[in-house]
Protein backbone atom coordinates (compact mmCIF):
# COMPACT_ATOMS: atom_id res chain seq x y z
CA MET A 1 22.66 -3.34 -12.84
CA LEU A 2 22.39 -5.96 -10.15
CA ASP A 3 23.12 -9.57 -11.09
CA GLY A 4 22.38 -8.77 -14.73
CA LYS A 5 19.03 -7.07 -14.01
CA THR A 6 18.39 -3.48 -15.03
CA ILE A 7 17.17 -1.17 -12.26
CA ALA A 8 15.15 1.99 -12.63
CA VAL A 9 14.08 4.33 -9.84
CA SER A 10 11.03 6.52 -10.27
CA VAL A 11 11.23 9.76 -8.29
CA PRO A 12 7.98 11.76 -8.11
CA ALA A 13 8.71 15.38 -7.23
CA PHE A 14 6.51 18.36 -6.46
CA LYS A 15 8.08 21.53 -5.08
CA GLU A 16 11.22 19.67 -3.96
CA GLU A 17 13.90 22.19 -4.91
CA ARG A 18 15.55 21.77 -1.48
CA PHE A 19 16.02 18.01 -1.74
CA ILE A 20 15.82 16.81 -5.38
CA VAL A 21 19.51 17.33 -6.19
CA GLU A 22 20.56 15.43 -3.08
CA VAL A 23 18.18 12.58 -3.94
CA ILE A 24 19.67 12.28 -7.44
CA ASP A 25 23.30 12.60 -6.30
CA THR A 26 22.97 9.95 -3.58
CA MET A 27 21.32 7.36 -5.87
CA PRO A 28 23.29 4.06 -5.68
CA ASP A 29 25.64 3.27 -8.58
CA PHE A 30 23.76 0.11 -9.58
CA VAL A 31 20.72 2.16 -10.66
CA ASP A 32 20.58 2.34 -14.47
CA LYS A 33 17.83 4.95 -14.90
CA ILE A 34 16.63 7.68 -12.56
CA ILE A 35 13.17 8.68 -13.85
CA VAL A 36 12.37 11.99 -12.17
CA VAL A 37 8.77 13.09 -12.63
CA ASN A 38 8.34 16.82 -12.06
CA ASP A 39 4.64 17.22 -11.25
CA GLY A 40 4.18 20.79 -12.43
CA SER A 41 6.30 22.30 -9.66
CA PRO A 42 6.07 26.13 -9.58
CA ASP A 43 9.53 26.44 -8.03
CA ARG A 44 12.97 25.51 -9.42
CA THR A 45 12.43 21.73 -9.16
CA GLY A 46 12.06 21.27 -12.94
CA ALA A 47 15.14 23.39 -13.75
CA LEU A 48 17.25 21.48 -11.21
CA ILE A 49 16.13 18.16 -12.71
CA ASP A 50 17.04 19.28 -16.24
CA GLU A 51 20.41 20.54 -15.01
CA ALA A 52 21.08 17.18 -13.33
CA ALA A 53 20.15 15.38 -16.58
CA THR A 54 22.83 17.31 -18.50
CA ASN A 55 25.50 16.16 -16.03
CA ASN A 56 24.21 12.66 -15.31
CA PRO A 57 23.19 10.39 -18.23
CA ARG A 58 21.20 8.20 -15.85
CA VAL A 59 18.67 10.98 -15.17
CA HIS A 60 15.56 10.75 -17.32
CA PRO A 61 13.28 13.79 -16.78
CA VAL A 62 9.50 13.68 -17.19
CA HIS A 63 7.65 17.00 -16.83
CA HIS A 64 3.97 17.68 -16.19
CA GLU A 65 2.89 21.11 -17.36
CA VAL A 66 0.34 21.24 -14.53
CA ASN A 67 0.13 19.45 -11.20
CA LYS A 68 -1.58 16.07 -11.69
CA GLY A 69 -1.01 14.54 -8.26
CA LEU A 70 1.23 11.84 -6.85
CA GLY A 71 -0.78 8.98 -8.31
CA GLN A 72 -0.38 10.21 -11.87
CA SER A 73 3.31 10.86 -11.28
CA LEU A 74 3.77 7.27 -10.15
CA ILE A 75 1.83 5.94 -13.14
CA ASP A 76 3.92 7.98 -15.58
CA GLY A 77 7.12 6.80 -13.90
CA TYR A 78 6.04 3.16 -14.14
CA LEU A 79 4.99 3.55 -17.79
CA GLU A 80 8.28 5.23 -18.69
CA ALA A 81 10.24 2.42 -17.04
CA ARG A 82 8.13 -0.17 -18.85
CA GLU A 83 8.85 1.56 -22.16
CA LEU A 84 12.57 1.46 -21.33
CA GLY A 85 12.32 -2.28 -20.64
CA MET A 86 13.58 -2.13 -17.06
CA ASP A 87 13.64 -5.41 -15.09
CA VAL A 88 12.92 -3.74 -11.74
CA VAL A 89 11.32 -0.38 -10.96
CA ALA A 90 11.68 1.14 -7.50
CA VAL A 91 10.03 4.27 -6.12
CA MET A 92 11.84 6.83 -3.99
CA ALA A 93 10.32 10.12 -2.92
CA GLY A 94 11.78 13.40 -4.11
CA ASP A 95 11.95 14.76 -0.55
CA GLY A 96 14.72 12.43 0.62
CA GLN A 97 12.49 10.42 3.00
CA MET A 98 13.86 7.14 1.67
CA ALA A 99 17.37 6.06 2.62
CA PRO A 100 19.48 5.18 -0.47
CA ALA A 101 21.27 2.54 1.60
CA ASP A 102 18.03 0.53 1.79
CA LEU A 103 17.49 0.37 -1.98
CA GLU A 104 19.41 -2.85 -2.58
CA SER A 105 17.43 -4.70 0.11
CA VAL A 106 14.21 -3.40 -1.42
CA VAL A 107 14.99 -4.68 -4.93
CA ARG A 108 16.89 -7.82 -3.88
CA PRO A 109 13.85 -10.18 -3.49
CA ILE A 110 12.83 -9.32 -7.06
CA ILE A 111 16.36 -9.72 -8.41
CA ASP A 112 16.51 -13.18 -6.78
CA GLY A 113 13.14 -14.15 -8.28
CA LYS A 114 11.43 -14.57 -4.90
CA ALA A 115 8.87 -11.78 -5.18
CA ASP A 116 7.09 -9.67 -7.78
CA TYR A 117 6.62 -6.63 -5.54
CA VAL A 118 8.46 -5.44 -2.46
CA LYS A 119 7.40 -2.73 -0.04
CA GLY A 120 9.31 -1.14 2.79
CA ASN A 121 8.18 -1.47 6.37
CA ARG A 122 9.35 1.24 8.76
CA LEU A 123 7.63 -0.43 11.71
CA LEU A 124 10.21 -3.21 11.76
CA ARG A 125 12.74 -0.74 13.16
CA ASP A 126 12.82 -0.62 16.96
CA GLU A 127 13.31 3.12 17.03
CA VAL A 128 10.33 3.91 14.78
CA ILE A 129 8.05 4.70 17.73
CA ASP A 130 10.41 7.50 18.77
CA ARG A 131 11.09 8.80 15.27
CA MET A 132 7.65 8.56 13.60
CA PRO A 133 5.17 11.26 14.67
CA ARG A 134 2.52 9.85 17.01
CA TYR A 135 -0.42 10.84 14.80
CA ARG A 136 1.17 8.92 11.92
CA LEU A 137 1.56 5.81 14.07
CA ILE A 138 -2.12 5.85 15.08
CA GLY A 139 -3.35 6.52 11.53
CA ASN A 140 -0.95 3.89 10.19
CA ALA A 141 -2.32 1.20 12.55
CA PHE A 142 -5.94 1.93 11.56
CA LEU A 143 -5.23 1.94 7.83
CA SER A 144 -3.10 -1.20 8.14
CA LEU A 145 -6.12 -3.12 9.38
CA LEU A 146 -8.35 -1.91 6.57
CA SER A 147 -5.62 -2.54 4.01
CA LYS A 148 -5.41 -6.20 4.99
CA PHE A 149 -9.05 -6.65 4.06
CA ALA A 150 -8.71 -4.62 0.86
CA THR A 151 -5.54 -6.25 -0.49
CA GLY A 152 -5.56 -9.83 0.80
CA TYR A 153 -1.96 -9.52 2.02
CA TRP A 154 -2.79 -10.15 5.66
CA LYS A 155 0.77 -9.95 7.02
CA SER A 156 1.50 -6.64 5.38
CA MET A 157 2.08 -3.62 7.65
CA ASP A 158 2.87 0.06 7.20
CA PRO A 159 0.67 0.50 4.10
CA GLN A 160 1.58 4.19 3.82
CA CYS A 161 5.26 3.51 3.18
CA GLY A 162 5.99 4.47 -0.42
CA TYR A 163 9.42 2.83 -0.64
CA THR A 164 8.59 0.03 -3.09
CA ALA A 165 9.88 -2.00 -6.03
CA ILE A 166 8.05 -3.95 -8.70
CA SER A 167 9.24 -6.34 -11.36
CA GLY A 168 8.87 -5.64 -15.06
CA ARG A 169 6.90 -8.89 -15.28
CA ALA A 170 4.37 -7.66 -12.74
CA LEU A 171 4.05 -4.30 -14.50
CA GLY A 172 3.09 -6.19 -17.62
CA ARG A 173 0.38 -8.20 -15.82
CA ILE A 174 -1.51 -5.49 -13.93
CA PRO A 175 -3.39 -2.51 -15.42
CA ILE A 176 -1.10 0.08 -13.86
CA GLU A 177 -2.66 2.77 -16.05
CA ARG A 178 -5.89 2.37 -14.06
CA MET A 179 -4.28 2.91 -10.66
CA ILE A 180 -6.16 5.62 -8.81
CA LYS A 181 -4.48 9.00 -8.92
CA GLY A 182 -5.54 10.21 -5.48
CA TYR A 183 -5.15 8.96 -1.91
CA GLY A 184 -4.82 5.20 -1.44
CA TYR A 185 -2.86 4.38 -4.59
CA ASN A 186 -0.53 2.13 -2.54
CA ALA A 187 -3.43 -0.09 -1.49
CA HIS A 188 -4.84 -0.09 -4.99
CA ILE A 189 -1.64 -1.47 -6.52
CA LEU A 190 -1.56 -4.23 -3.86
CA ASN A 191 -5.16 -5.01 -4.69
CA MET A 192 -4.27 -5.38 -8.38
CA LEU A 193 -1.29 -7.57 -7.50
CA ASN A 194 -3.48 -9.85 -5.39
CA LEU A 195 -6.01 -10.23 -8.20
CA ALA A 196 -3.13 -11.21 -10.47
CA ASN A 197 -1.85 -13.73 -7.86
CA LEU A 198 1.56 -12.08 -7.61
CA ARG A 199 3.89 -12.53 -4.63
CA VAL A 200 4.66 -9.66 -2.28
CA ALA A 201 7.39 -9.23 0.29
CA GLU A 202 8.27 -6.64 2.93
CA VAL A 203 11.72 -5.50 3.98
CA GLU A 204 12.90 -3.30 6.81
CA VAL A 205 13.61 0.29 5.82
CA GLU A 206 14.77 3.28 7.80
CA PRO A 207 12.13 5.88 8.74
CA VAL A 208 13.52 9.24 7.62
CA TYR A 209 11.80 12.45 8.74
CA ARG A 210 13.14 15.84 7.81
CA ASP A 211 11.66 19.34 7.64
CA GLU A 212 9.81 18.54 4.42
CA THR A 213 6.29 19.85 3.93
CA SER A 214 3.44 17.32 3.92
CA TYR A 215 0.51 18.10 1.66
CA ILE A 216 -1.75 15.45 3.30
CA LYS A 217 -4.63 16.71 5.45
CA LEU A 218 -5.47 13.87 7.81
CA ARG A 219 -9.10 14.89 8.35
CA LYS A 220 -9.65 14.41 4.64
CA TYR A 221 -7.09 11.66 4.04
CA ILE A 222 -8.30 9.03 6.53
CA PRO A 223 -12.04 9.11 5.59
CA THR A 224 -11.21 9.18 1.86
CA VAL A 225 -8.79 6.24 2.09
CA SER A 226 -11.16 4.30 4.35
CA ARG A 227 -13.92 4.54 1.73
CA LEU A 228 -11.49 3.47 -1.00
CA LEU A 229 -10.26 0.47 1.02
CA THR A 230 -13.85 -0.62 1.60
CA ARG A 231 -14.53 -0.49 -2.14
CA LEU A 232 -11.32 -2.40 -2.89
CA PHE A 233 -12.31 -5.10 -0.39
CA PHE A 234 -15.64 -5.72 -2.11
CA ARG A 235 -13.94 -5.58 -5.53
CA ARG A 236 -11.47 -8.26 -4.48
CA LEU A 237 -14.21 -10.36 -2.91
CA LEU A 238 -16.41 -10.22 -6.01
CA ARG A 239 -13.74 -10.71 -8.68
CA LYS A 240 -11.58 -13.31 -6.94
CA TYR A 241 -14.10 -15.37 -4.98
CA VAL A 242 -17.32 -15.05 -6.96
CA VAL A 243 -16.61 -14.27 -10.62
CA ARG A 244 -13.32 -16.11 -11.21
CA ASP A 245 -13.80 -19.02 -8.84
CA PHE A 246 -16.33 -19.55 -6.08
CA HIS A 247 -15.03 -19.73 -2.52
CA PRO A 248 -17.20 -20.06 0.63
CA LEU A 249 -15.32 -17.23 2.34
CA ALA A 250 -17.31 -14.77 0.18
CA LEU A 251 -20.56 -16.09 1.66
CA MET A 252 -19.13 -16.00 5.17
CA TYR A 253 -18.13 -12.38 4.80
CA LEU A 254 -21.48 -11.34 3.38
CA PHE A 255 -23.42 -13.41 5.93
CA SER A 256 -21.58 -11.82 8.86
CA MET A 257 -22.21 -8.32 7.49
CA PHE A 258 -25.88 -9.07 6.94
CA LEU A 259 -26.29 -10.35 10.51
CA TRP A 260 -24.52 -7.32 11.91
CA PHE A 261 -26.72 -5.00 9.87
CA ILE A 262 -29.94 -6.53 11.22
CA ALA A 263 -28.69 -7.16 14.78
CA ILE A 264 -26.39 -4.34 15.94
CA PRO A 265 -28.66 -1.31 15.36
CA PRO A 266 -31.73 -2.91 17.10
CA LEU A 267 -29.49 -4.12 19.94
CA PHE A 268 -28.18 -0.58 20.44
CA VAL A 269 -31.74 0.78 20.44
CA TRP A 270 -32.75 -1.91 22.99
CA PHE A 271 -29.94 -0.85 25.33
CA VAL A 272 -30.75 2.84 25.05
CA TYR A 273 -34.50 2.30 25.59
CA HIS A 274 -34.14 0.02 28.59
CA TRP A 275 -31.36 2.15 30.08
CA ILE A 276 -33.64 5.18 30.01
CA ASN A 277 -36.47 3.15 31.53
CA GLU A 278 -34.13 1.46 34.04
CA SER A 279 -35.24 -2.00 33.03
CA LEU A 280 -32.08 -3.70 31.80
CA VAL A 281 -33.59 -7.17 32.17
CA PRO A 282 -32.74 -9.66 29.39
CA THR A 283 -35.66 -10.35 27.09
CA THR A 284 -36.21 -12.69 24.20
CA SER A 285 -35.41 -9.85 21.79
CA PHE A 286 -32.17 -9.12 23.63
CA LEU A 287 -31.09 -12.75 23.62
CA THR A 288 -31.91 -13.13 19.93
CA LEU A 289 -30.04 -9.99 18.92
CA SER A 290 -27.06 -10.89 21.11
CA PHE A 291 -26.84 -14.38 19.66
CA SER A 292 -27.01 -12.93 16.12
CA SER A 293 -24.21 -10.47 16.91
CA ILE A 294 -22.02 -13.22 18.37
CA PHE A 295 -22.70 -15.50 15.39
CA ALA A 296 -21.88 -12.66 13.00
CA THR A 297 -18.56 -12.07 14.78
CA PHE A 298 -17.57 -15.73 14.56
CA SER A 299 -18.61 -15.81 10.89
CA LEU A 300 -16.34 -12.83 10.22
CA PHE A 301 -13.40 -14.46 12.01
CA PHE A 302 -13.90 -17.67 10.09
CA ALA A 303 -14.06 -15.77 6.78
CA MET A 304 -10.85 -13.94 7.70
CA TRP A 305 -9.14 -17.24 8.50
CA LEU A 306 -10.18 -18.71 5.13
CA ASP A 307 -8.99 -15.52 3.41
CA MET A 308 -5.60 -15.71 5.12
CA GLU A 309 -5.21 -19.35 4.16
CA ASP A 310 -6.11 -18.76 0.54
CA ASN A 311 -3.63 -15.87 0.15
CA GLN A 312 -0.82 -17.34 2.22
CA GLN A 313 1.19 -18.49 -0.79
CA LEU A 314 1.27 -14.92 -2.14
CA TRP A 315 3.20 -13.59 0.84
CA LEU A 316 6.94 -14.00 1.28
CA PRO A 317 7.63 -13.49 5.00
CA ASP A 318 11.40 -13.81 4.80
CA PRO A 319 12.93 -12.38 1.61
CA VAL A 320 16.41 -13.33 2.80
CA THR A 321 15.86 -17.08 3.19
CA GLY A 322 12.82 -17.39 0.91
CA ASP A 323 11.08 -19.65 3.45
CA GLU A 324 7.52 -20.44 2.61
CA PRO A 325 4.78 -19.25 4.97
CA GLY A 326 4.52 -21.46 8.01
CA THR A 327 7.93 -23.09 7.61
């Protein structure tokens, strides 16, 4: 317990026989329940979890007979913690990529009643550029931008960091059972939190990279997640700013996209045609299309500004002081 609040840690594990015992053994003493979800591992992961449970009453094993994916493992961990009535539920990977020393800072904003959900941010560490693989940094930056649109938490960074904590109250308010089971689950839960008007905070965590095996194929991961984030953006736009309560930012977003759709392709064709014919002289069509593109860009920026303003109160920039945004 921490300050009278019960803490559970959900540990999804698939083929983690090299690390799972260490993860369990190094769990901080204030953790009440360690919910280890064995996702149909074909190696000794399940046996090691059961053995740890016999020696450690805090360990609560959950076994999948077949591999169901990380998303389903997280859902089952959350549901188990909700059934146990835990006040706070954190997530730590079974491969030891999350430093146990950071756990208290991850759960602290929820314990203090300042946030409903906390996520780690590895990019706040100065040494992350040297320690995080370059391809992950580039992919992280691209997905961070799309995640801002999809979730409404505009100051959030490092969307791929899975070191998180959620309050029992928040788990009761969002349909966690519907969280997608494939790539992009981390953005989906933020999307659900935003629709429920729940506060989110970020804390600095240590980037840990070992010789663990990654099962993510970037050529499939980035396009798949990009499509999901686009769908989540339109879902948030429709439900929050059209169905529940009208806000002009929805019209600004849609207007900018419409202008881009009718202006950018013809403008590109104009450039190609006149470049081939060596007659790059501005025409009425060029000026009209250029003005439409510029107007669409400003409309998008204005919609983003309205979006940021509307969601500002849902972001806690400083979990230590609890200062409100802009103060």
